[in-house]
Each structure stands twice: as C-alpha cells, then as structure tokens.
C-alpha atoms as a PDB file:
ATOM      1  CA  MET A   1     -28.813   0.176   4.932  1.00  0.00           C
ATOM      2  CA  ARG A   2     -30.252  -1.925   7.730  1.00  0.00           C
ATOM      3  CA  ASN A   3     -27.899  -3.193  10.376  1.00  0.00           C
ATOM      4  CA  PRO A   4     -26.740  -6.754   9.711  1.00  0.00           C
ATOM      5  CA  GLU A   5     -26.943  -9.460  12.298  1.00  0.00           C
ATOM      6  CA  PRO A   6     -23.576  -9.968  14.023  1.00  0.00           C
ATOM      7  CA  ASN A   7     -21.413 -12.994  13.330  1.00  0.00           C
ATOM      8  CA  THR A   8     -22.733 -13.621   9.823  1.00  0.00           C
ATOM      9  CA  VAL A   9     -19.394 -14.652   8.366  1.00  0.00           C
ATOM     10  CA  GLY A  10     -19.965 -16.774   5.276  1.00  0.00           C
ATOM     11  CA  ALA A  11     -23.257 -15.152   4.321  1.00  0.00           C
ATOM     12  CA  GLU A  12     -23.668 -13.471   0.969  1.00  0.00           C
ATOM     13  CA  PRO A  13     -21.784 -10.152   0.954  1.00  0.00           C
ATOM     14  CA  ARG A  14     -24.110  -7.216   1.444  1.00  0.00           C
ATOM     15  CA  GLU A  15     -24.165  -4.254  -0.897  1.00  0.00           C
ATOM     16  CA  ALA A  16     -22.138  -1.940   1.277  1.00  0.00           C
ATOM     17  CA  ALA A  17     -18.939  -0.408   2.344  1.00  0.00           C
ATOM     18  CA  LEU A  18     -16.306  -1.301  -0.220  1.00  0.00           C
ATOM     19  CA  ASP A  19     -15.996   1.250  -3.015  1.00  0.00           C
ATOM     20  CA  PRO A  20     -12.960   0.077  -5.041  1.00  0.00           C
ATOM     21  CA  ASP A  21     -11.966   3.559  -6.167  1.00  0.00           C
ATOM     22  CA  GLU A  22     -12.210   4.942  -2.637  1.00  0.00           C
ATOM     23  CA  LEU A  23     -10.075   2.124  -1.297  1.00  0.00           C
ATOM     24  CA  ILE A  24      -7.484   2.436  -4.050  1.00  0.00           C
ATOM     25  CA  GLU A  25      -7.297   6.211  -3.535  1.00  0.00           C
ATOM     26  CA  TRP A  26      -6.758   5.647   0.189  1.00  0.00           C
ATOM     27  CA  PHE A  27      -4.069   3.047  -0.478  1.00  0.00           C
ATOM     28  CA  THR A  28      -2.272   5.308  -2.931  1.00  0.00           C
ATOM     29  CA  ALA A  29      -2.149   8.083  -0.331  1.00  0.00           C
ATOM     30  CA  GLU A  30      -1.661   6.087   2.868  1.00  0.00           C
ATOM     31  CA  GLY A  31      -0.085   2.742   1.921  1.00  0.00           C
ATOM     32  CA  ARG A  32       3.342   2.014   3.341  1.00  0.00           C
ATOM     33  CA  ASP A  33       6.320   2.517   1.059  1.00  0.00           C
ATOM     34  CA  LEU A  34       7.543  -1.077   1.073  1.00  0.00           C
ATOM     35  CA  PRO A  35      10.366  -1.985  -1.324  1.00  0.00           C
ATOM     36  CA  TRP A  36       8.609  -4.961  -2.918  1.00  0.00           C
ATOM     37  CA  ARG A  37       5.810  -2.616  -4.004  1.00  0.00           C
ATOM     38  CA  GLY A  38       8.192  -0.666  -6.242  1.00  0.00           C
ATOM     39  CA  ALA A  39       7.413  -0.394  -9.943  1.00  0.00           C
ATOM     40  CA  ASP A  40      10.826  -1.902 -10.741  1.00  0.00           C
ATOM     41  CA  VAL A  41      10.225  -5.077  -8.694  1.00  0.00           C
ATOM     42  CA  ASP A  42       9.442  -8.081 -10.876  1.00  0.00           C
ATOM     43  CA  GLY A  43       7.616 -11.311 -10.145  1.00  0.00           C
ATOM     44  CA  TRP A  44      10.703 -12.815  -8.526  1.00  0.00           C
ATOM     45  CA  GLY A  45      10.985  -9.997  -6.002  1.00  0.00           C
ATOM     46  CA  VAL A  46       7.298 -10.327  -5.168  1.00  0.00           C
ATOM     47  CA  LEU A  47       7.486 -14.119  -4.850  1.00  0.00           C
ATOM     48  CA  VAL A  48      10.432 -13.822  -2.456  1.00  0.00           C
ATOM     49  CA  SER A  49       8.654 -11.185  -0.377  1.00  0.00           C
ATOM     50  CA  GLU A  50       5.375 -13.090  -0.192  1.00  0.00           C
ATOM     51  CA  THR A  51       7.183 -16.276   0.835  1.00  0.00           C
ATOM     52  CA  MET A  52       9.091 -14.469   3.567  1.00  0.00           C
ATOM     53  CA  LEU A  53       6.075 -12.548   4.845  1.00  0.00           C
ATOM     54  CA  GLN A  54       4.041 -15.642   5.673  1.00  0.00           C
ATOM     55  CA  GLN A  55       3.586 -15.498   9.462  1.00  0.00           C
ATOM     56  CA  THR A  56       6.543 -13.123   9.754  1.00  0.00           C
ATOM     57  CA  PRO A  57       6.398  -9.368  10.543  1.00  0.00           C
ATOM     58  CA  VAL A  58       7.400  -6.857   7.878  1.00  0.00           C
ATOM     59  CA  ASN A  59      10.210  -5.356   9.972  1.00  0.00           C
ATOM     60  CA  ARG A  60      11.957  -8.735  10.181  1.00  0.00           C
ATOM     61  CA  VAL A  61      11.563  -9.398   6.472  1.00  0.00           C
ATOM     62  CA  LEU A  62      12.784  -6.029   5.152  1.00  0.00           C
ATOM     63  CA  PRO A  63      16.576  -6.441   5.626  1.00  0.00           C
ATOM     64  CA  ILE A  64      16.653 -10.096   4.624  1.00  0.00           C
ATOM     65  CA  TRP A  65      14.536  -9.490   1.501  1.00  0.00           C
ATOM     66  CA  ARG A  66      16.994  -6.798   0.398  1.00  0.00           C
ATOM     67  CA  GLU A  67      19.962  -9.081   1.051  1.00  0.00           C
ATOM     68  CA  TRP A  68      18.387 -11.917  -0.919  1.00  0.00           C
ATOM     69  CA  LEU A  69      17.600  -9.785  -3.955  1.00  0.00           C
ATOM     70  CA  GLU A  70      21.100  -8.333  -3.967  1.00  0.00           C
ATOM     71  CA  ARG A  71      22.644 -11.770  -3.686  1.00  0.00           C
ATOM     72  CA  TRP A  72      20.182 -13.681  -5.878  1.00  0.00           C
ATOM     73  CA  PRO A  73      18.483 -11.192  -8.251  1.00  0.00           C
ATOM     74  CA  ARG A  74      17.140 -13.959 -10.507  1.00  0.00           C
ATOM     75  CA  PRO A  75      15.661 -17.388  -9.795  1.00  0.00           C
ATOM     76  CA  SER A  76      18.634 -19.046 -11.499  1.00  0.00           C
ATOM     77  CA  ASP A  77      20.986 -17.326  -9.050  1.00  0.00           C
ATOM     78  CA  LEU A  78      19.194 -18.829  -6.068  1.00  0.00           C
ATOM     79  CA  ALA A  79      18.901 -22.206  -7.780  1.00  0.00           C
ATOM     80  CA  ALA A  80      22.696 -22.301  -8.151  1.00  0.00           C
ATOM     81  CA  ALA A  81      23.229 -21.783  -4.414  1.00  0.00           C
ATOM     82  CA  SER A  82      23.591 -24.695  -2.008  1.00  0.00           C
ATOM     83  CA  GLN A  83      20.814 -25.552   0.405  1.00  0.00           C
ATOM     84  CA  GLY A  84      23.112 -24.656   3.278  1.00  0.00           C
ATOM     85  CA  GLU A  85      23.739 -21.187   1.832  1.00  0.00           C
ATOM     86  CA  VAL A  86      20.007 -20.666   1.470  1.00  0.00           C
ATOM     87  CA  LEU A  87      19.278 -21.697   5.057  1.00  0.00           C
ATOM     88  CA  ARG A  88      22.024 -19.445   6.395  1.00  0.00           C
ATOM     89  CA  ALA A  89      20.685 -16.493   4.433  1.00  0.00           C
ATOM     90  CA  TRP A  90      17.157 -17.204   5.691  1.00  0.00           C
ATOM     91  CA  GLY A  91      18.400 -16.320   9.162  1.00  0.00           C
ATOM     92  CA  LYS A  92      15.714 -16.201  11.852  1.00  0.00           C
ATOM     93  CA  LEU A  93      12.685 -15.645   9.661  1.00  0.00           C
ATOM     94  CA  GLY A  94      11.239 -18.902  10.969  1.00  0.00           C
ATOM     95  CA  TYR A  95       9.611 -21.822   9.179  1.00  0.00           C
ATOM     96  CA  PRO A  96      12.856 -22.614   7.278  1.00  0.00           C
ATOM     97  CA  ARG A  97      11.098 -25.114   5.023  1.00  0.00           C
ATOM     98  CA  ARG A  98       9.840 -22.024   3.205  1.00  0.00           C
ATOM     99  CA  ALA A  99      13.437 -21.305   2.212  1.00  0.00           C
ATOM    100  CA  MET A 100      13.905 -24.828   0.898  1.00  0.00           C
ATOM    101  CA  ARG A 101      10.678 -24.718  -1.116  1.00  0.00           C
ATOM    102  CA  LEU A 102      11.652 -21.333  -2.555  1.00  0.00           C
ATOM    103  CA  HIS A 103      15.002 -22.824  -3.543  1.00  0.00           C
ATOM    104  CA  GLU A 104      13.195 -25.672  -5.297  1.00  0.00           C
ATOM    105  CA  ALA A 105      10.773 -23.279  -6.977  1.00  0.00           C
ATOM    106  CA  ALA A 106      13.683 -21.176  -8.231  1.00  0.00           C
ATOM    107  CA  ALA A 107      15.150 -24.221  -9.969  1.00  0.00           C
ATOM    108  CA  VAL A 108      11.832 -24.951 -11.706  1.00  0.00           C
ATOM    109  CA  ILE A 109      11.378 -21.309 -12.727  1.00  0.00           C
ATOM    110  CA  ALA A 110      14.907 -21.204 -14.133  1.00  0.00           C
ATOM    111  CA  SER A 111      14.642 -24.477 -16.056  1.00  0.00           C
ATOM    112  CA  GLU A 112      11.008 -24.481 -17.174  1.00  0.00           C
ATOM    113  CA  HIS A 113       9.922 -20.837 -17.318  1.00  0.00           C
ATOM    114  CA  GLY A 114      12.882 -19.007 -18.824  1.00  0.00           C
ATOM    115  CA  ASP A 115      14.016 -17.645 -15.449  1.00  0.00           C
ATOM    116  CA  ARG A 116      10.829 -15.598 -15.143  1.00  0.00           C
ATOM    117  CA  VAL A 117       8.178 -16.145 -12.484  1.00  0.00           C
ATOM    118  CA  PRO A 118       4.904 -17.149 -14.189  1.00  0.00           C
ATOM    119  CA  SER A 119       1.937 -14.775 -14.060  1.00  0.00           C
ATOM    120  CA  ASP A 120      -0.833 -17.363 -14.304  1.00  0.00           C
ATOM    121  CA  VAL A 121      -2.323 -18.596 -11.018  1.00  0.00           C
ATOM    122  CA  ASP A 122      -2.561 -22.247 -12.073  1.00  0.00           C
ATOM    123  CA  THR A 123       1.042 -22.272 -13.294  1.00  0.00           C
ATOM    124  CA  LEU A 124       2.190 -20.624 -10.086  1.00  0.00           C
ATOM    125  CA  LEU A 125       0.326 -23.249  -8.056  1.00  0.00           C
ATOM    126  CA  ALA A 126       2.366 -25.951  -9.778  1.00  0.00           C
ATOM    127  CA  LEU A 127       5.610 -24.529  -8.358  1.00  0.00           C
ATOM    128  CA  PRO A 128       7.072 -26.204  -5.236  1.00  0.00           C
ATOM    129  CA  GLY A 129       5.806 -24.614  -2.053  1.00  0.00           C
ATOM    130  CA  VAL A 130       3.452 -22.139  -3.741  1.00  0.00           C
ATOM    131  CA  GLY A 131      -0.046 -22.321  -2.309  1.00  0.00           C
ATOM    132  CA  THR A 132      -3.321 -20.549  -2.982  1.00  0.00           C
ATOM    133  CA  TYR A 133      -2.421 -17.341  -1.181  1.00  0.00           C
ATOM    134  CA  THR A 134       1.070 -16.943  -2.649  1.00  0.00           C
ATOM    135  CA  ALA A 135      -0.003 -17.752  -6.216  1.00  0.00           C
ATOM    136  CA  ARG A 136      -2.788 -15.185  -6.134  1.00  0.00           C
ATOM    137  CA  ALA A 137      -0.608 -12.577  -4.420  1.00  0.00           C
ATOM    138  CA  VAL A 138       2.074 -12.869  -7.104  1.00  0.00           C
ATOM    139  CA  ALA A 139      -0.499 -12.723  -9.913  1.00  0.00           C
ATOM    140  CA  ALA A 140      -2.166  -9.657  -8.385  1.00  0.00           C
ATOM    141  CA  PHE A 141       0.770  -7.685  -7.022  1.00  0.00           C
ATOM    142  CA  ALA A 142       3.468  -8.493  -9.571  1.00  0.00           C
ATOM    143  CA  TYR A 143       1.355  -8.717 -12.721  1.00  0.00           C
ATOM    144  CA  GLY A 144      -1.766  -6.684 -11.943  1.00  0.00           C
ATOM    145  CA  LYS A 145      -4.105  -9.648 -12.424  1.00  0.00           C
ATOM    146  CA  ARG A 146      -7.620  -9.965 -11.029  1.00  0.00           C
ATOM    147  CA  ALA A 147      -7.033 -12.636  -8.395  1.00  0.00           C
ATOM    148  CA  PRO A 148      -8.695 -12.500  -4.963  1.00  0.00           C
ATOM    149  CA  VAL A 149      -5.906 -12.442  -2.390  1.00  0.00           C
ATOM    150  CA  VAL A 150      -7.019 -13.640   1.032  1.00  0.00           C
ATOM    151  CA  ASP A 151      -4.998 -13.532   4.218  1.00  0.00           C
ATOM    152  CA  THR A 152      -5.964 -13.036   7.871  1.00  0.00           C
ATOM    153  CA  ASN A 153      -6.080  -9.272   7.458  1.00  0.00           C
ATOM    154  CA  VAL A 154      -8.338  -9.354   4.407  1.00  0.00           C
ATOM    155  CA  ARG A 155     -10.662 -11.845   6.083  1.00  0.00           C
ATOM    156  CA  ARG A 156     -10.998  -9.532   9.088  1.00  0.00           C
ATOM    157  CA  VAL A 157     -11.820  -6.483   6.938  1.00  0.00           C
ATOM    158  CA  VAL A 158     -14.487  -8.405   5.016  1.00  0.00           C
ATOM    159  CA  ALA A 159     -15.944  -9.938   8.192  1.00  0.00           C
ATOM    160  CA  ARG A 160     -16.347  -6.512   9.738  1.00  0.00           C
ATOM    161  CA  ALA A 161     -17.141  -4.208   6.840  1.00  0.00           C
ATOM    162  CA  ILE A 162     -19.452  -6.581   4.964  1.00  0.00           C
ATOM    163  CA  HIS A 163     -20.778  -9.097   7.468  1.00  0.00           C
ATOM    164  CA  GLY A 164     -20.815  -6.966  10.626  1.00  0.00           C
ATOM    165  CA  ALA A 165     -18.866  -9.575  12.617  1.00  0.00           C
ATOM    166  CA  GLY A 166     -16.081  -8.761  15.052  1.00  0.00           C
ATOM    167  CA  ASP A 167     -13.700 -11.132  13.309  1.00  0.00           C
ATOM    168  CA  ALA A 168     -13.668 -13.818  10.656  1.00  0.00           C
ATOM    169  CA  GLY A 169     -13.133 -16.873  12.839  1.00  0.00           C
ATOM    170  CA  ASN A 170     -11.293 -19.879  11.484  1.00  0.00           C
ATOM    171  CA  PRO A 171     -10.480 -19.953   7.762  1.00  0.00           C
ATOM    172  CA  SER A 172     -12.717 -21.511   5.118  1.00  0.00           C
ATOM    173  CA  PRO A 173     -10.764 -21.195   1.852  1.00  0.00           C
ATOM    174  CA  LYS A 174     -13.714 -21.700  -0.495  1.00  0.00           C
ATOM    175  CA  ARG A 175     -15.958 -19.278   1.390  1.00  0.00           C
ATOM    176  CA  ASP A 176     -13.226 -16.702   1.959  1.00  0.00           C
ATOM    177  CA  LEU A 177     -12.172 -16.626  -1.706  1.00  0.00           C
ATOM    178  CA  ALA A 178     -15.797 -16.302  -2.799  1.00  0.00           C
ATOM    179  CA  ASP A 179     -16.358 -13.427  -0.366  1.00  0.00           C
ATOM    180  CA  VAL A 180     -13.411 -11.433  -1.713  1.00  0.00           C
ATOM    181  CA  ASP A 181     -14.000 -12.364  -5.349  1.00  0.00           C
ATOM    182  CA  ALA A 182     -17.523 -10.939  -5.096  1.00  0.00           C
ATOM    183  CA  LEU A 183     -16.099  -7.583  -4.022  1.00  0.00           C
ATOM    184  CA  LEU A 184     -13.434  -7.108  -6.696  1.00  0.00           C
ATOM    185  CA  PRO A 185     -14.107  -5.018  -9.802  1.00  0.00           C
ATOM    186  CA  ALA A 186     -14.076  -6.809 -13.135  1.00  0.00           C
ATOM    187  CA  ASP A 187     -11.001  -5.161 -14.636  1.00  0.00           C
ATOM    188  CA  ASP A 188      -7.572  -6.433 -13.687  1.00  0.00           C
ATOM    189  CA  LEU A 189      -5.773  -3.287 -12.571  1.00  0.00           C
ATOM    190  CA  ARG A 190      -8.531  -1.976 -10.313  1.00  0.00           C
ATOM    191  CA  ALA A 191      -9.022  -5.453  -8.865  1.00  0.00           C
ATOM    192  CA  SER A 192      -5.327  -5.865  -8.077  1.00  0.00           C
ATOM    193  CA  GLY A 193      -5.250  -2.375  -6.578  1.00  0.00           C
ATOM    194  CA  MET A 194      -8.225  -3.188  -4.396  1.00  0.00           C
ATOM    195  CA  SER A 195      -6.601  -6.450  -3.277  1.00  0.00           C
ATOM    196  CA  ALA A 196      -3.521  -4.528  -2.135  1.00  0.00           C
ATOM    197  CA  ALA A 197      -5.698  -1.925  -0.402  1.00  0.00           C
ATOM    198  CA  LEU A 198      -7.749  -4.527   1.489  1.00  0.00           C
ATOM    199  CA  MET A 199      -4.611  -6.169   2.801  1.00  0.00           C
ATOM    200  CA  GLU A 200      -3.043  -2.874   3.823  1.00  0.00           C
ATOM    201  CA  LEU A 201      -6.245  -1.781   5.540  1.00  0.00           C
ATOM    202  CA  GLY A 202      -6.288  -4.927   7.669  1.00  0.00           C
ATOM    203  CA  GLN A 203      -2.600  -4.629   8.527  1.00  0.00           C
ATOM    204  CA  THR A 204      -2.557  -0.963   9.499  1.00  0.00           C
ATOM    205  CA  VAL A 205      -6.107   0.249  10.294  1.00  0.00           C
ATOM    206  CA  CYS A 206      -8.621  -2.552  10.815  1.00  0.00           C
ATOM    207  CA  THR A 207      -6.382  -4.352  13.286  1.00  0.00           C
ATOM    208  CA  VAL A 208      -7.385  -7.088  15.701  1.00  0.00           C
ATOM    209  CA  ARG A 209      -7.297  -5.250  19.017  1.00  0.00           C
ATOM    210  CA  SER A 210      -7.236  -1.528  18.249  1.00  0.00           C
ATOM    211  CA  PRO A 211      -8.954  -0.763  14.946  1.00  0.00           C
ATOM    212  CA  ALA A 212      -8.563   2.903  13.973  1.00  0.00           C
ATOM    213  CA  CYS A 213     -12.139   3.253  12.782  1.00  0.00           C
ATOM    214  CA  GLU A 214     -12.109   7.055  12.612  1.00  0.00           C
ATOM    215  CA  SER A 215      -9.303   7.019  10.019  1.00  0.00           C
ATOM    216  CA  CYS A 216     -10.722   4.102   8.008  1.00  0.00           C
ATOM    217  CA  PRO A 217     -11.894   4.846   4.450  1.00  0.00           C
ATOM    218  CA  LEU A 218     -14.835   2.488   5.105  1.00  0.00           C
ATOM    219  CA  HIS A 219     -15.827   4.415   8.229  1.00  0.00           C
ATOM    220  CA  HIS A 220     -19.285   5.464   7.016  1.00  0.00           C
ATOM    221  CA  GLY A 221     -20.296   2.192   5.365  1.00  0.00           C
ATOM    222  CA  CYS A 222     -18.839  -0.425   7.712  1.00  0.00           C
ATOM    223  CA  ALA A 223     -21.476  -2.956   8.783  1.00  0.00           C
ATOM    224  CA  TRP A 224     -19.595  -3.775  11.990  1.00  0.00           C
ATOM    225  CA  ARG A 225     -19.537  -0.149  13.093  1.00  0.00           C
ATOM    226  CA  ALA A 226     -23.189   0.276  12.146  1.00  0.00           C
ATOM    227  CA  ALA A 227     -24.049  -2.772  14.273  1.00  0.00           C
ATOM    228  CA  GLY A 228     -22.346  -1.291  17.317  1.00  0.00           C
ATOM    229  CA  LYS A 229     -19.044  -3.188  16.931  1.00  0.00           C
ATOM    230  CA  PRO A 230     -20.264  -6.520  18.329  1.00  0.00           C
ATOM    231  CA  ALA A 231     -17.613  -8.774  19.807  1.00  0.00           C
ATOM    232  CA  TYR A 232     -16.675 -11.917  17.934  1.00  0.00           C
ATOM    233  CA  ASP A 233     -18.829 -14.759  19.250  1.00  0.00           C
ATOM    234  CA  GLY A 234     -18.064 -17.573  16.835  1.00  0.00           C
ATOM    235  CA  PRO A 235     -16.101 -20.793  17.424  1.00  0.00           C
ATOM    236  CA  PRO A 236     -12.852 -20.350  19.388  1.00  0.00           C
ATOM    237  CA  LYS A 237     -10.046 -19.277  17.104  1.00  0.00           C
ATOM    238  CA  LYS A 238      -7.017 -21.526  16.832  1.00  0.00           C
ATOM    239  CA  VAL A 239      -3.961 -19.891  18.379  1.00  0.00           C
ATOM    240  CA  GLN A 240      -0.476 -21.206  17.709  1.00  0.00           C
ATOM    241  CA  ARG A 241       1.853 -21.039  20.683  1.00  0.00           C
ATOM    242  CA  PHE A 242       5.618 -21.019  20.224  1.00  0.00           C
ATOM    243  CA  ALA A 243       7.358 -21.206  23.605  1.00  0.00           C
ATOM    244  CA  GLY A 244       8.255 -24.750  24.537  1.00  0.00           C
ATOM    245  CA  THR A 245       7.156 -26.262  21.230  1.00  0.00           C
ATOM    246  CA  ASP A 246       9.124 -28.520  18.910  1.00  0.00           C
ATOM    247  CA  ARG A 247       9.211 -25.573  16.517  1.00  0.00           C
ATOM    248  CA  GLN A 248      11.137 -23.526  19.054  1.00  0.00           C
ATOM    249  CA  VAL A 249      13.594 -26.373  19.616  1.00  0.00           C
ATOM    250  CA  ARG A 250      14.066 -26.835  15.869  1.00  0.00           C
ATOM    251  CA  GLY A 251      14.887 -23.144  15.595  1.00  0.00           C
ATOM    252  CA  LEU A 252      17.449 -23.335  18.377  1.00  0.00           C
ATOM    253  CA  LEU A 253      19.155 -26.311  16.768  1.00  0.00           C
ATOM    254  CA  LEU A 254      19.297 -24.551  13.410  1.00  0.00           C
ATOM    255  CA  ASP A 255      20.720 -21.443  15.076  1.00  0.00           C
ATOM    256  CA  VAL A 256      23.688 -23.522  16.228  1.00  0.00           C
ATOM    257  CA  LEU A 257      24.320 -24.821  12.712  1.00  0.00           C
ATOM    258  CA  ARG A 258      23.908 -21.416  11.046  1.00  0.00           C
ATOM    259  CA  GLY A 259      26.383 -19.959  13.508  1.00  0.00           C
ATOM    260  CA  SER A 260      29.048 -22.584  12.892  1.00  0.00           C
ATOM    261  CA  ALA A 261      31.603 -22.755  10.106  1.00  0.00           C
ATOM    262  CA  GLY A 262      30.775 -26.391   9.438  1.00  0.00           C
ATOM    263  CA  PRO A 263      29.290 -29.545  10.971  1.00  0.00           C
ATOM    264  CA  VAL A 264      29.217 -29.714  14.761  1.00  0.00           C
ATOM    265  CA  PRO A 265      29.303 -32.622  17.239  1.00  0.00           C
ATOM    266  CA  ARG A 266      26.101 -33.806  18.855  1.00  0.00           C
ATOM    267  CA  ALA A 267      27.118 -32.234  22.170  1.00  0.00           C
ATOM    268  CA  SER A 268      26.834 -28.752  20.642  1.00  0.00           C
ATOM    269  CA  LEU A 269      23.191 -29.436  19.825  1.00  0.00           C
ATOM    270  CA  ASP A 270      22.416 -31.151  23.120  1.00  0.00           C
ATOM    271  CA  ALA A 271      23.474 -28.004  24.981  1.00  0.00           C
ATOM    272  CA  VAL A 272      20.631 -25.843  23.624  1.00  0.00           C
ATOM    273  CA  TRP A 273      17.689 -27.773  25.132  1.00  0.00           C
ATOM    274  CA  SER A 274      17.610 -29.791  28.322  1.00  0.00           C
ATOM    275  CA  GLU A 275      14.685 -32.130  27.616  1.00  0.00           C
ATOM    276  CA  ALA A 276      16.316 -34.964  25.692  1.00  0.00           C
ATOM    277  CA  GLY A 277      13.162 -36.547  24.263  1.00  0.00           C
ATOM    278  CA  GLN A 278      11.885 -33.313  22.732  1.00  0.00           C
ATOM    279  CA  ARG A 279      15.360 -32.358  21.525  1.00  0.00           C
ATOM    280  CA  ASP A 280      15.797 -35.722  19.800  1.00  0.00           C
ATOM    281  CA  ARG A 281      12.359 -35.468  18.228  1.00  0.00           C
ATOM    282  CA  ALA A 282      13.110 -31.988  16.907  1.00  0.00           C
ATOM    283  CA  LEU A 283      16.468 -33.071  15.498  1.00  0.00           C
ATOM    284  CA  ASP A 284      14.949 -36.153  13.868  1.00  0.00           C
ATOM    285  CA  SER A 285      12.309 -33.994  12.189  1.00  0.00           C
ATOM    286  CA  LEU A 286      14.986 -31.632  10.843  1.00  0.00           C
ATOM    287  CA  LEU A 287      16.828 -34.613   9.374  1.00  0.00           C
ATOM    288  CA  VAL A 288      13.633 -35.957   7.797  1.00  0.00           C
ATOM    289  CA  ASP A 289      12.816 -32.522   6.342  1.00  0.00           C
ATOM    290  CA  GLY A 290      16.284 -32.275   4.810  1.00  0.00           C
ATOM    291  CA  LEU A 291      17.133 -29.147   6.798  1.00  0.00           C
ATOM    292  CA  VAL A 292      19.987 -30.909   8.597  1.00  0.00           C
ATOM    293  CA  GLU A 293      22.371 -33.627   7.438  1.00  0.00           C
ATOM    294  CA  GLN A 294      24.548 -36.013   9.437  1.00  0.00           C
ATOM    295  CA  THR A 295      28.126 -36.670   8.374  1.00  0.00           C
ATOM    296  CA  GLU A 296      29.770 -40.061   8.299  1.00  0.00           C
ATOM    297  CA  ASP A 297      31.633 -39.257  11.519  1.00  0.00           C
ATOM    298  CA  GLY A 298      28.377 -38.463  13.343  1.00  0.00           C
ATOM    299  CA  ARG A 299      28.432 -34.662  13.267  1.00  0.00           C
ATOM    300  CA  PHE A 300      25.529 -32.503  12.118  1.00  0.00           C
ATOM    301  CA  GLY A 301      25.466 -29.664   9.622  1.00  0.00           C
ATOM    302  CA  LEU A 302      23.368 -27.764   7.113  1.00  0.00           C
ATOM    303  CA  PRO A 303      22.683 -29.606   3.852  1.00  0.00           C
ATOM    304  CA  GLY A 304      25.553 -29.556   1.374  1.00  0.00           C
ATOM    305  CA  GLU A 305      28.053 -28.118   3.836  1.00  0.00           C
ATOM    306  CA  HIS A 306      30.200 -31.121   4.674  1.00  0.00           C
END
C-alpha cells in the first residue's frame, strides 16, 4: 500500500488497516470490563451511561452510574423523581442539563414506549436530549444494531489509520459518519462489535499524546504509522477552557444548592464567586435553564424543593 498524503481527513477511506474481525478479537481480549457493557444491562442502563459519559471521564461516571441504576432501575422510576432529586444525584458530573434532559426522556420512554428504551435510531433521536451520537451508541451497544458511532476517539483512529493524519481536526458530522459507515461490516453484530472496538482503541491505545502503537491491533496497516506519524497540520482545534468561565461559576452555585437541605439566601450564593457581574449572569442562566428556582421570599433552591 502506498503511503497516503498527510492531513487527508475527509477523503475517501483507503482500503487498509481496519479488519473487523481482528479489531473485535482485540476488543474481546483487551477491552475494559465496564459495568454498562455487561450482558444483563438493557437499553436504559446504556442510555444512562452514554449520557453521563459525554465529556466526563469514566472514573467519575462509574460510581454515579451504579447509584442511579440502583435507585432508578427503570425509566419510570427516574420519571417519578423530582428535578431536584435528579440534580442532587447527578453530583459533580458537570453539564447538569444532561440530567434534566435524561429526566425528560425517561418520562417519554415510560409513557410512550412501554418503559423500554427504543432500539431504532430515528425513534431515539426523537427523545429529549438524545442527539446523533447517543442515539447511535444506544442502538449499537444496547441492541447490537449496525449504526456508526462517532466520538472524538473514533474520529482520531480513523484519521490516523485510514487517512494518515495526526488527528481528525474539528468535527464534520456528515463526513465523520460517512467515514465510519464505510468501514463497518454489513451485518449488525459484527458492526456493533467493531463500533465498540474503535471507540475503545481510541480511548486506551490510539490516544492524543502518547499512542501505544506497538500494542495496537492496527500496527501493521496504519496509514499514519506508514507515513512516518506526521503531526497534525490542519485548522487549529477548538479547545474548551473551564477555569474562570460561566460554566465554572454555574457549577459552584449548584454545589451550594446540592449541599443544602433546602433553599438558601442570596448571600450564600454570593460568597462563592467574587465577580458580581459574572456571578449574576451565571445565576440568571441557571434560572432560565430551570436548574434553579427562586422562592417567593427570595431564596434559591433546586427545582421542586421548596
């Protein structure tokens, strides 16, 4: 196979590298033993895990996922909980709107789908808060469907192994889905197994800074390695900072409310951030998002807890 030109992300996938059976065999032997991968975990367990894992490390999700499934083993159980209970249980996973959307989705699943998470991608996409990635992940990982699942890790594996680029650059949903879809076998079970293997490979082997190429199952067919591992030279990648952002302030304000037995006075919130304008903006956005409610006497609390 001739060496591909570097930084060809978005080109037609080359015939190379990704043998589904080899990848699935590697995943079966080397994949992490994560609880949501268990044979006894249904679509609800997978939906909860995939929602929690968005932009959140596995080690932070593990204990909270277990707590949620023990407390709310079915969608109807979560739907019956108050919004405040849900936000408290979400803890410090971040992006708490995910918890609210999952709560809303649980109500729809319970009322419209017989308390069972749908297996069809289009039906999943109609649920509150379920986007392209989550819908395809649930279809593939919970129901063994052929559905290309694309996250940052999968994009990086494809960029390197197929296109010979150091990284995938900024996302292009249409292109990225087409890239992965072209690699999946036709039958459902092998395709879903390959989807899981691609994701695991990007998370544990083909990492951003220290890829373990010698232990990679694609070692001999990787276009990036064959091209001499060229550095990524595409458009600057968007990096989200956290320190000092409104998102950090929102999290601090929510921490106060989760740690209190009920609504608190404004002074309790003012104490967590010194810059009044940013603090007010963060609090206003929490009120607009429905993550915080104000009582008639001017205190602030989690929704449904006053």
